[in-house]
Amino acid sequence: MTQLTIPDNSMMNDWQFIFGVATSAFQIEGQSSTRQSTIWDTFCHKSGAIVDGSNGDVACDHLTHWRDDVSLIDSLGVGAYRFSVSWGRVLNHDGSVNTKGMQFYLDLLTELEKRDIKAFVTLYHWDLPQALENNGGWLNRETVYAFEHYVDVVTKAFKGKVYSYATLNEPWCSAYLGYEIGIHAPGISGKQYGKKAAHHLLLAHGLAMQVLQKNSPESQNGIVLNFSPCFAASTNQADIDAAKLADQHFNHWYIKPLLEGKYPDIIDSLSSDHQPDIKVGDMDTIAANLDFLGVNYYSRSVYRSCEQEGFELVAPATFSVTQMGWEIYPQGLSKLLIDLNKHYTLPPVYITENGAAMNDEPMQGQIIDLDRVAYFNTHLAAVDTAMKQGVDVRGYFAWSLMDNFEWAEGYEKRFGIVYVDYQTQQRTLKESAKQYRNMLLNR
């Protein structure tokens, strides 16, 4: 049987290297009636928006089962748990504190502390309160200041309990999928919106970093970006140029302002109505000093030239794909990390999400997901390769702790290392969870 292992001479064997599991609030918490409505609640009720017509009202009912879930996390032998705070659960419409919602997170943090599990808190994982979206959401600069207030309240309440804060998770998804092509909440589509939303998200990050510096200087404070390295479909120069252009739009548009205080040069080629609204001082705010950069990686993207956009995505020419149809391409992760490290002066890096949706079928109460074990194996080897090439990677988080609401895919795609029966809410360790645990306990 495939065994999950870390390469023998790897720095990942060092106890300083942090292994964890990750989740997000909307995807697991449930009990939607006890918090503000979010853009995802609204989006779920839009006809055809979610593949299976489901929603996050119950999800994994983590609010009921959280103590058992933390016990389960502890049993895996991980050193950290990455989770997100639901903005609408801790704050009411008027910006005042929802004490019951806040207490849930305080209890969770206390329990993690008791078990010596480091808390990696994501402050925004896509679940914008609907009341803010009604006023324009991330297209309205006022949302930036509402986020700043929310971060201030949360970080004061959590004082001393959090090892690491990430301001945002995957702003590309929020901006591009949510406001440019509209396949994620709030479902707005228009080329003129994507870069504007992205700028406000990055500005919100910058202001949040100032708040964190004031309220929680002892924690590791940064941001989580998703990257999909861009490859050319052929050796034709037109395809090579297409891949480079996509890379500027989808990858460098987010990291360059954070680390260098400016957008890629492609900004000059955007028509005026597609340009973000940049005010004096914005770029300095965005380029706040980062304690770490979170990197989420699932697959690569292959592009060919096309007249209209300059690039178009090509479907994977392989049968080696996950249930999402994403190519399994571990060497893309090492290439990404090495290339970023050459191109930028990177802060320490955490692989904050890496994992795969597979076709998990319980057989006699067991889920033998050896395809997922193989996925983790090859991707851990890719991280090791990057570290040996000088990339300062400090930790790795498997996505995801458990099967959950997979956004527009509903409950049909399972990323968890723990199987969730949504009818009974029973949790079952998959083979990947057992192997992850064994790997960590043998370290």
Protein backbone atom coordinates (compact mmCIF):
# COMPACT_ATOMS: atom_id res chain seq x y z
CA MET A 1 0.00 0.00 0.00
CA THR A 2 1.19 3.55 -0.78
CA GLN A 3 2.68 5.09 2.36
CA LEU A 4 2.67 8.83 3.01
CA THR A 5 6.25 9.81 3.80
CA ILE A 6 8.53 12.82 3.99
CA PRO A 7 11.78 12.48 2.01
CA ASP A 8 14.51 11.18 4.38
CA ASN A 9 16.88 14.15 4.47
CA SER A 10 14.11 16.74 4.29
CA MET A 11 14.01 19.85 6.49
CA MET A 12 10.31 19.01 6.91
CA ASN A 13 11.45 16.36 9.40
CA ASP A 14 12.57 19.18 11.69
CA TRP A 15 10.11 19.76 14.55
CA GLN A 16 10.22 23.48 13.79
CA PHE A 17 8.39 22.74 10.52
CA ILE A 18 4.64 23.06 11.15
CA PHE A 19 2.15 20.55 9.76
CA GLY A 20 -1.55 21.33 9.96
CA VAL A 21 -5.03 20.93 8.55
CA ALA A 22 -7.30 23.66 7.23
CA THR A 23 -10.99 24.58 6.98
CA SER A 24 -13.10 27.70 6.43
CA ALA A 25 -16.11 29.03 8.31
CA PHE A 26 -18.83 29.04 5.66
CA GLN A 27 -17.81 25.59 4.42
CA ILE A 28 -18.16 23.79 7.76
CA GLU A 29 -19.94 25.80 10.45
CA GLY A 30 -23.65 25.62 9.61
CA GLN A 31 -26.22 27.32 11.90
CA SER A 32 -26.63 30.12 9.39
CA SER A 33 -29.61 31.56 11.29
CA THR A 34 -27.32 32.60 14.18
CA ARG A 35 -25.25 35.05 12.12
CA GLN A 36 -25.64 37.80 9.52
CA SER A 37 -26.56 36.67 6.05
CA THR A 38 -23.57 36.59 3.66
CA ILE A 39 -23.06 36.89 -0.09
CA TRP A 40 -22.77 33.11 -0.21
CA ASP A 41 -26.16 32.61 1.47
CA THR A 42 -27.67 34.84 -1.22
CA PHE A 43 -25.69 33.21 -4.04
CA CYS A 44 -26.82 29.72 -2.95
CA HIS A 45 -30.44 30.73 -3.55
CA LYS A 46 -29.70 31.90 -7.09
CA SER A 47 -31.05 29.40 -9.59
CA GLY A 48 -28.30 27.24 -11.07
CA ALA A 49 -25.48 28.90 -9.08
CA ILE A 50 -24.64 25.78 -7.03
CA VAL A 51 -24.24 22.51 -8.95
CA ASP A 52 -26.34 20.38 -6.58
CA GLY A 53 -28.67 23.20 -5.48
CA SER A 54 -27.37 23.01 -1.90
CA ASN A 55 -26.30 25.69 0.59
CA GLY A 56 -24.25 26.25 3.74
CA ASP A 57 -27.15 26.31 6.21
CA VAL A 58 -26.03 23.08 7.92
CA ALA A 59 -22.77 22.09 6.18
CA CYS A 60 -20.75 19.99 8.69
CA ASP A 61 -22.64 21.51 11.65
CA HIS A 62 -19.25 22.31 13.16
CA LEU A 63 -20.91 24.72 15.61
CA THR A 64 -22.50 21.70 17.28
CA HIS A 65 -19.61 19.25 16.82
CA TRP A 66 -16.62 21.55 17.29
CA ARG A 67 -15.31 19.90 20.47
CA ASP A 68 -15.26 16.49 18.80
CA ASP A 69 -13.70 18.07 15.71
CA VAL A 70 -10.88 19.60 17.77
CA SER A 71 -10.35 16.24 19.46
CA LEU A 72 -10.14 14.67 16.01
CA ILE A 73 -7.59 17.30 14.87
CA ASP A 74 -5.54 16.56 17.99
CA SER A 75 -5.62 12.81 17.24
CA LEU A 76 -3.93 13.48 13.88
CA GLY A 77 -0.79 14.74 15.57
CA VAL A 78 -0.76 18.07 13.72
CA GLY A 79 0.84 21.15 15.24
CA ALA A 80 -1.60 23.70 13.82
CA TYR A 81 -5.19 24.27 12.73
CA ARG A 82 -6.02 26.86 10.11
CA PHE A 83 -9.62 28.11 10.21
CA SER A 84 -11.46 31.27 9.31
CA VAL A 85 -13.64 33.63 11.30
CA SER A 86 -17.08 34.42 9.92
CA TRP A 87 -17.35 38.22 9.82
CA GLY A 88 -21.14 37.98 10.07
CA ARG A 89 -20.97 35.67 13.09
CA VAL A 90 -18.89 38.00 15.28
CA LEU A 91 -20.38 41.34 14.21
CA ASN A 92 -23.98 42.49 13.88
CA HIS A 93 -25.28 44.71 11.04
CA ASP A 94 -24.46 47.85 13.01
CA GLY A 95 -20.87 46.79 13.68
CA SER A 96 -21.54 45.84 17.31
CA VAL A 97 -20.31 42.49 18.66
CA ASN A 98 -22.44 39.35 18.42
CA THR A 99 -21.31 38.04 21.82
CA LYS A 100 -22.51 34.47 21.27
CA GLY A 101 -20.68 34.25 17.93
CA MET A 102 -17.50 35.77 19.39
CA GLN A 103 -17.64 33.37 22.34
CA PHE A 104 -17.69 30.38 19.96
CA TYR A 105 -14.29 31.39 18.55
CA LEU A 106 -12.88 32.23 21.99
CA ASP A 107 -13.89 28.76 23.23
CA LEU A 108 -12.35 27.18 20.12
CA LEU A 109 -9.09 29.10 20.64
CA THR A 110 -8.98 28.13 24.33
CA GLU A 111 -9.43 24.45 23.45
CA LEU A 112 -6.69 24.59 20.79
CA GLU A 113 -4.37 26.28 23.27
CA LYS A 114 -5.10 23.57 25.85
CA ARG A 115 -4.06 20.93 23.34
CA ASP A 116 -0.97 22.86 22.21
CA ILE A 117 -2.29 23.28 18.65
CA LYS A 118 -1.28 26.57 17.04
CA ALA A 119 -4.19 28.68 15.77
CA PHE A 120 -3.76 30.01 12.23
CA VAL A 121 -6.70 32.39 11.84
CA THR A 122 -7.93 33.62 8.45
CA LEU A 123 -9.89 36.84 8.87
CA TYR A 124 -11.65 36.74 5.50
CA HIS A 125 -12.48 33.58 3.56
CA TRP A 126 -15.03 34.96 1.07
CA ASP A 127 -18.12 35.30 3.32
CA LEU A 128 -18.79 39.03 3.05
CA PRO A 129 -21.91 40.12 5.00
CA GLN A 130 -24.73 40.68 2.50
CA ALA A 131 -25.53 44.07 4.05
CA LEU A 132 -22.13 45.32 2.81
CA GLU A 133 -22.70 43.82 -0.64
CA ASN A 134 -26.00 45.72 -0.81
CA ASN A 135 -23.87 48.89 -0.75
CA GLY A 136 -21.51 47.66 -3.46
CA GLY A 137 -19.39 45.10 -1.63
CA TRP A 138 -15.74 45.04 -2.71
CA LEU A 139 -16.52 47.53 -5.48
CA ASN A 140 -17.21 50.12 -2.77
CA ARG A 141 -14.20 51.58 -0.99
CA GLU A 142 -16.27 51.86 2.21
CA THR A 143 -16.10 48.04 2.55
CA VAL A 144 -12.35 48.43 3.08
CA TYR A 145 -12.97 50.51 6.23
CA ALA A 146 -15.70 48.16 7.44
CA PHE A 147 -13.12 45.34 7.18
CA GLU A 148 -10.59 47.40 9.12
CA HIS A 149 -13.15 47.85 11.94
CA TYR A 150 -13.99 44.12 11.94
CA VAL A 151 -10.30 43.18 12.17
CA ASP A 152 -9.80 45.64 15.01
CA VAL A 153 -12.67 44.15 17.04
CA VAL A 154 -11.64 40.52 16.42
CA THR A 155 -7.93 40.94 17.14
CA LYS A 156 -8.63 42.78 20.39
CA ALA A 157 -10.97 39.98 21.48
CA PHE A 158 -8.51 37.20 20.49
CA LYS A 159 -5.49 38.88 22.09
CA GLY A 160 -2.68 36.45 22.90
CA LYS A 161 -4.52 33.37 21.63
CA VAL A 162 -3.51 33.35 17.94
CA TYR A 163 -0.19 32.16 16.48
CA SER A 164 -0.83 33.52 12.99
CA TYR A 165 -3.30 35.80 11.21
CA ALA A 166 -3.95 35.83 7.48
CA THR A 167 -5.90 38.92 6.44
CA LEU A 168 -7.43 37.43 3.28
CA ASN A 169 -7.71 34.03 1.66
CA GLU A 170 -7.26 34.03 -2.12
CA PRO A 171 -8.26 37.57 -3.11
CA TRP A 172 -8.03 36.43 -6.78
CA CYS A 173 -11.04 34.17 -6.19
CA SER A 174 -13.02 36.93 -4.49
CA ALA A 175 -12.24 39.50 -7.21
CA TYR A 176 -12.03 37.48 -10.42
CA LEU A 177 -14.49 34.65 -9.77
CA GLY A 178 -16.89 36.85 -7.78
CA TYR A 179 -16.82 40.21 -9.59
CA GLU A 180 -15.41 39.53 -13.07
CA ILE A 181 -16.74 36.21 -14.33
CA GLY A 182 -19.45 35.78 -11.70
CA ILE A 183 -19.19 32.04 -11.00
CA HIS A 184 -18.71 32.71 -7.26
CA ALA A 185 -20.60 35.01 -4.92
CA PRO A 186 -21.77 37.71 -5.36
CA GLY A 187 -22.10 36.55 -8.99
CA ILE A 188 -21.28 39.84 -10.71
CA SER A 189 -19.70 39.62 -14.13
CA GLY A 190 -17.94 42.33 -16.09
CA LYS A 191 -14.32 42.93 -17.12
CA GLN A 192 -14.61 46.42 -15.66
CA TYR A 193 -15.16 45.10 -12.11
CA GLY A 194 -12.43 42.52 -11.41
CA LYS A 195 -9.39 44.76 -10.97
CA LYS A 196 -11.41 47.34 -8.99
CA ALA A 197 -12.55 44.68 -6.51
CA ALA A 198 -8.99 43.30 -6.33
CA HIS A 199 -7.59 46.71 -5.45
CA HIS A 200 -10.08 47.21 -2.61
CA LEU A 201 -9.34 43.72 -1.28
CA LEU A 202 -5.60 44.40 -1.27
CA LEU A 203 -6.15 47.79 0.34
CA ALA A 204 -8.28 46.10 3.03
CA HIS A 205 -5.37 43.72 3.59
CA GLY A 206 -2.95 46.66 3.98
CA LEU A 207 -5.13 48.45 6.53
CA ALA A 208 -5.69 45.17 8.39
CA MET A 209 -1.91 44.70 8.61
CA GLN A 210 -1.68 48.10 10.34
CA VAL A 211 -4.35 46.99 12.83
CA LEU A 212 -2.53 43.68 13.43
CA GLN A 213 0.75 45.50 14.00
CA LYS A 214 -1.00 47.50 16.72
CA ASN A 215 -3.23 44.85 18.29
CA SER A 216 -1.25 41.64 17.75
CA PRO A 217 2.42 42.37 16.98
CA GLU A 218 3.48 39.06 18.54
CA SER A 219 1.58 36.93 15.99
CA GLN A 220 2.77 35.97 12.51
CA ASN A 221 0.75 38.30 10.25
CA GLY A 222 0.39 37.90 6.49
CA ILE A 223 -1.89 36.98 3.61
CA VAL A 224 -2.82 33.85 1.66
CA LEU A 225 -2.67 33.90 -2.15
CA ASN A 226 -3.61 31.10 -4.54
CA PHE A 227 -1.27 30.48 -7.44
CA SER A 228 -1.67 28.49 -10.59
CA PRO A 229 1.61 28.57 -12.54
CA CYS A 230 0.99 29.38 -16.19
CA PHE A 231 2.36 27.10 -18.90
CA ALA A 232 2.25 27.53 -22.68
CA ALA A 233 0.23 25.00 -24.68
CA SER A 234 3.02 24.75 -27.28
CA THR A 235 6.47 26.05 -28.15
CA ASN A 236 4.91 28.71 -30.43
CA GLN A 237 5.92 32.22 -29.33
CA ALA A 238 2.26 33.32 -29.40
CA ASP A 239 1.36 30.64 -26.82
CA ILE A 240 4.42 31.46 -24.70
CA ASP A 241 3.36 35.13 -24.69
CA ALA A 242 -0.21 34.12 -23.85
CA ALA A 243 0.95 32.16 -20.78
CA LYS A 244 3.09 35.11 -19.65
CA LEU A 245 0.14 37.49 -20.01
CA ALA A 246 -2.16 35.19 -17.99
CA ASP A 247 0.57 34.95 -15.33
CA GLN A 248 0.62 38.76 -14.99
CA HIS A 249 -3.18 38.96 -14.67
CA PHE A 250 -3.75 36.04 -12.31
CA ASN A 251 -0.58 35.64 -10.24
CA HIS A 252 1.63 38.74 -10.30
CA TRP A 253 -1.34 41.15 -10.09
CA TYR A 254 -1.72 40.02 -6.46
CA ILE A 255 1.82 39.38 -5.24
CA LYS A 256 3.67 42.28 -6.90
CA PRO A 257 1.77 45.09 -5.12
CA LEU A 258 2.20 43.27 -1.79
CA LEU A 259 5.96 42.89 -2.14
CA GLU A 260 6.92 45.77 -4.46
CA GLY A 261 4.15 48.34 -4.00
CA LYS A 262 3.11 48.39 -7.66
CA TYR A 263 0.90 46.51 -10.09
CA PRO A 264 2.40 44.71 -13.10
CA ASP A 265 3.02 46.81 -16.23
CA ILE A 266 -0.12 45.36 -17.84
CA ILE A 267 -2.01 48.00 -15.84
CA ASP A 268 -1.00 50.53 -18.52
CA SER A 269 -2.70 48.48 -21.23
CA LEU A 270 -6.06 48.27 -19.42
CA SER A 271 -8.84 50.47 -20.74
CA SER A 272 -9.72 53.28 -18.34
CA ASP A 273 -13.00 51.69 -17.21
CA HIS A 274 -11.11 48.48 -16.26
CA GLN A 275 -8.50 50.33 -14.17
CA PRO A 276 -8.66 50.14 -10.38
CA ASP A 277 -9.36 53.39 -8.53
CA ILE A 278 -5.97 54.03 -6.88
CA LYS A 279 -5.73 56.91 -4.40
CA VAL A 280 -2.55 58.55 -3.12
CA GLY A 281 -0.92 56.33 -0.50
CA ASP A 282 -2.85 53.17 -1.44
CA MET A 283 0.14 51.29 -2.82
CA ASP A 284 2.26 52.04 0.26
CA THR A 285 -0.55 50.74 2.46
CA ILE A 286 -0.86 47.55 0.38
CA ALA A 287 2.90 46.91 0.56
CA ALA A 288 2.89 46.49 4.36
CA ASN A 289 5.70 44.33 5.71
CA LEU A 290 4.61 40.65 5.75
CA ASP A 291 5.69 38.13 8.39
CA PHE A 292 4.72 35.35 5.98
CA LEU A 293 3.13 34.59 2.64
CA GLY A 294 0.56 31.79 2.49
CA VAL A 295 0.62 29.86 -0.78
CA ASN A 296 -2.36 27.76 -1.89
CA TYR A 297 -1.60 25.34 -4.72
CA TYR A 298 -3.75 22.75 -6.45
CA SER A 299 -2.71 22.59 -10.09
CA ARG A 300 -1.14 24.41 -13.02
CA SER A 301 -2.90 26.21 -15.89
CA VAL A 302 -2.07 25.80 -19.58
CA TYR A 303 -2.78 28.62 -22.03
CA ARG A 304 -2.81 29.21 -25.75
CA SER A 305 -3.02 32.43 -27.66
CA CYS A 306 -6.41 33.84 -28.58
CA GLU A 307 -7.23 37.11 -30.29
CA GLN A 308 -9.94 38.41 -28.00
CA GLU A 309 -8.28 38.18 -24.56
CA GLY A 310 -4.73 37.40 -25.59
CA PHE A 311 -4.92 34.02 -23.82
CA GLU A 312 -7.34 31.16 -23.27
CA LEU A 313 -7.25 28.20 -20.92
CA VAL A 314 -6.64 24.75 -22.42
CA ALA A 315 -8.19 21.63 -20.85
CA PRO A 316 -5.66 19.18 -19.32
CA ALA A 317 -4.33 16.73 -21.95
CA THR A 318 -4.01 13.93 -19.39
CA PHE A 319 -6.12 11.40 -17.49
CA SER A 320 -4.23 12.30 -14.31
CA VAL A 321 -6.82 14.69 -12.92
CA THR A 322 -8.71 15.15 -9.66
CA GLN A 323 -12.50 15.02 -9.37
CA MET A 324 -12.47 18.77 -10.05
CA GLY A 325 -10.92 18.06 -13.46
CA TRP A 326 -7.67 19.69 -12.30
CA GLU A 327 -4.45 18.18 -13.59
CA ILE A 328 -2.29 16.50 -10.94
CA TYR A 329 0.98 18.33 -11.50
CA PRO A 330 3.20 18.37 -8.39
CA GLN A 331 6.24 19.72 -10.24
CA GLY A 332 4.19 22.89 -10.75
CA LEU A 333 4.42 23.53 -7.00
CA SER A 334 8.22 23.34 -6.83
CA LYS A 335 8.54 25.41 -10.01
CA LEU A 336 6.13 28.02 -8.62
CA LEU A 337 7.99 28.36 -5.31
CA ILE A 338 11.45 28.48 -6.93
CA ASP A 339 10.31 31.02 -9.56
CA LEU A 340 8.66 33.29 -6.97
CA ASN A 341 11.79 33.10 -4.82
CA LYS A 342 13.94 34.18 -7.79
CA HIS A 343 11.58 36.95 -8.82
CA TYR A 344 10.79 38.49 -5.42
CA THR A 345 12.31 38.90 -1.98
CA LEU A 346 9.89 36.54 -0.30
CA PRO A 347 9.02 36.49 3.39
CA PRO A 348 8.84 33.01 5.00
CA VAL A 349 6.28 30.85 3.17
CA TYR A 350 3.58 28.49 4.42
CA ILE A 351 1.80 26.11 2.07
CA THR A 352 -1.59 27.03 3.51
CA GLU A 353 -3.68 24.77 1.24
CA ASN A 354 -2.84 21.74 -0.84
CA GLY A 355 -5.10 18.79 -1.53
CA ALA A 356 -7.39 17.03 -3.94
CA ALA A 357 -11.04 16.18 -4.47
CA MET A 358 -11.23 12.47 -5.19
CA ASN A 359 -14.07 10.04 -5.76
CA ASP A 360 -14.32 8.72 -2.20
CA GLU A 361 -16.57 5.69 -1.87
CA PRO A 362 -16.96 4.14 1.59
CA MET A 363 -16.47 0.35 1.39
CA GLN A 364 -17.41 -1.58 4.55
CA GLY A 365 -16.99 1.59 6.61
CA GLN A 366 -13.56 2.43 5.19
CA ILE A 367 -12.41 5.00 2.64
CA ILE A 368 -9.16 3.79 1.06
CA ASP A 369 -8.24 6.99 -0.81
CA LEU A 370 -4.80 5.95 -2.05
CA ASP A 371 -5.06 8.42 -4.94
CA ARG A 372 -5.15 11.25 -2.37
CA VAL A 373 -2.26 9.70 -0.42
CA ALA A 374 -0.27 9.66 -3.68
CA TYR A 375 -1.23 13.29 -4.32
CA PHE A 376 0.08 14.36 -0.89
CA ASN A 377 3.24 12.30 -1.33
CA THR A 378 4.22 13.90 -4.63
CA HIS A 379 3.35 17.40 -3.45
CA LEU A 380 5.32 17.06 -0.20
CA ALA A 381 8.26 15.93 -2.34
CA ALA A 382 7.74 19.07 -4.46
CA VAL A 383 7.86 21.27 -1.34
CA ASP A 384 11.06 19.47 -0.30
CA THR A 385 12.59 20.17 -3.75
CA ALA A 386 11.81 23.89 -3.39
CA MET A 387 13.25 24.01 0.13
CA LYS A 388 16.47 22.39 -1.10
CA GLN A 389 16.63 25.15 -3.74
CA GLY A 390 16.57 27.76 -0.98
CA VAL A 391 12.87 28.61 -0.57
CA ASP A 392 12.11 29.32 3.11
CA VAL A 393 9.01 27.16 3.65
CA ARG A 394 7.95 26.95 7.31
CA GLY A 395 4.82 24.79 7.18
CA TYR A 396 2.29 22.74 5.22
CA PHE A 397 -1.50 22.49 5.64
CA ALA A 398 -3.55 19.72 4.09
CA TRP A 399 -6.80 20.92 2.53
CA SER A 400 -9.08 19.93 3.92
CA LEU A 401 -9.62 18.55 7.40
CA MET A 402 -13.02 17.22 6.35
CA ASP A 403 -15.40 17.05 3.43
CA ASN A 404 -17.45 20.23 3.31
CA PHE A 405 -19.48 22.68 1.26
CA GLU A 406 -17.29 23.12 -1.82
CA TRP A 407 -18.67 26.52 -2.91
CA ALA A 408 -20.26 26.43 -6.38
CA GLU A 409 -19.73 22.64 -6.48
CA GLY A 410 -21.95 22.13 -3.42
CA TYR A 411 -21.39 18.82 -1.61
CA GLU A 412 -20.49 16.76 -4.68
CA LYS A 413 -16.72 17.26 -4.41
CA ARG A 414 -14.90 15.86 -1.39
CA PHE A 415 -11.51 17.35 -0.44
CA GLY A 416 -11.41 16.05 3.14
CA ILE A 417 -8.99 13.64 4.72
CA VAL A 418 -11.95 12.93 7.00
CA TYR A 419 -15.18 11.65 5.43
CA VAL A 420 -18.41 13.38 6.46
CA ASP A 421 -21.77 11.64 6.19
CA TYR A 422 -23.97 14.71 5.76
CA GLN A 423 -27.13 12.88 6.91
CA THR A 424 -25.71 11.72 10.25
CA GLN A 425 -22.76 14.16 10.57
CA GLN A 426 -20.58 11.16 11.39
CA ARG A 427 -16.86 11.71 10.75
CA THR A 428 -14.69 8.83 9.49
CA LEU A 429 -10.93 8.98 9.03
CA LYS A 430 -10.01 8.21 5.43
CA GLU A 431 -6.81 6.30 4.70
CA SER A 432 -5.17 9.67 3.90
CA ALA A 433 -5.91 10.92 7.44
CA LYS A 434 -4.45 7.76 8.97
CA GLN A 435 -1.37 8.05 6.77
CA TYR A 436 -0.98 11.77 7.56
CA ARG A 437 -1.20 10.94 11.27
CA ASN A 438 1.32 8.08 10.98
CA MET A 439 3.73 10.28 9.01
CA LEU A 440 3.58 12.99 11.68
CA LEU A 441 3.82 10.63 14.65
CA ASN A 442 6.88 8.95 13.08
CA ARG A 443 8.62 12.24 12.42
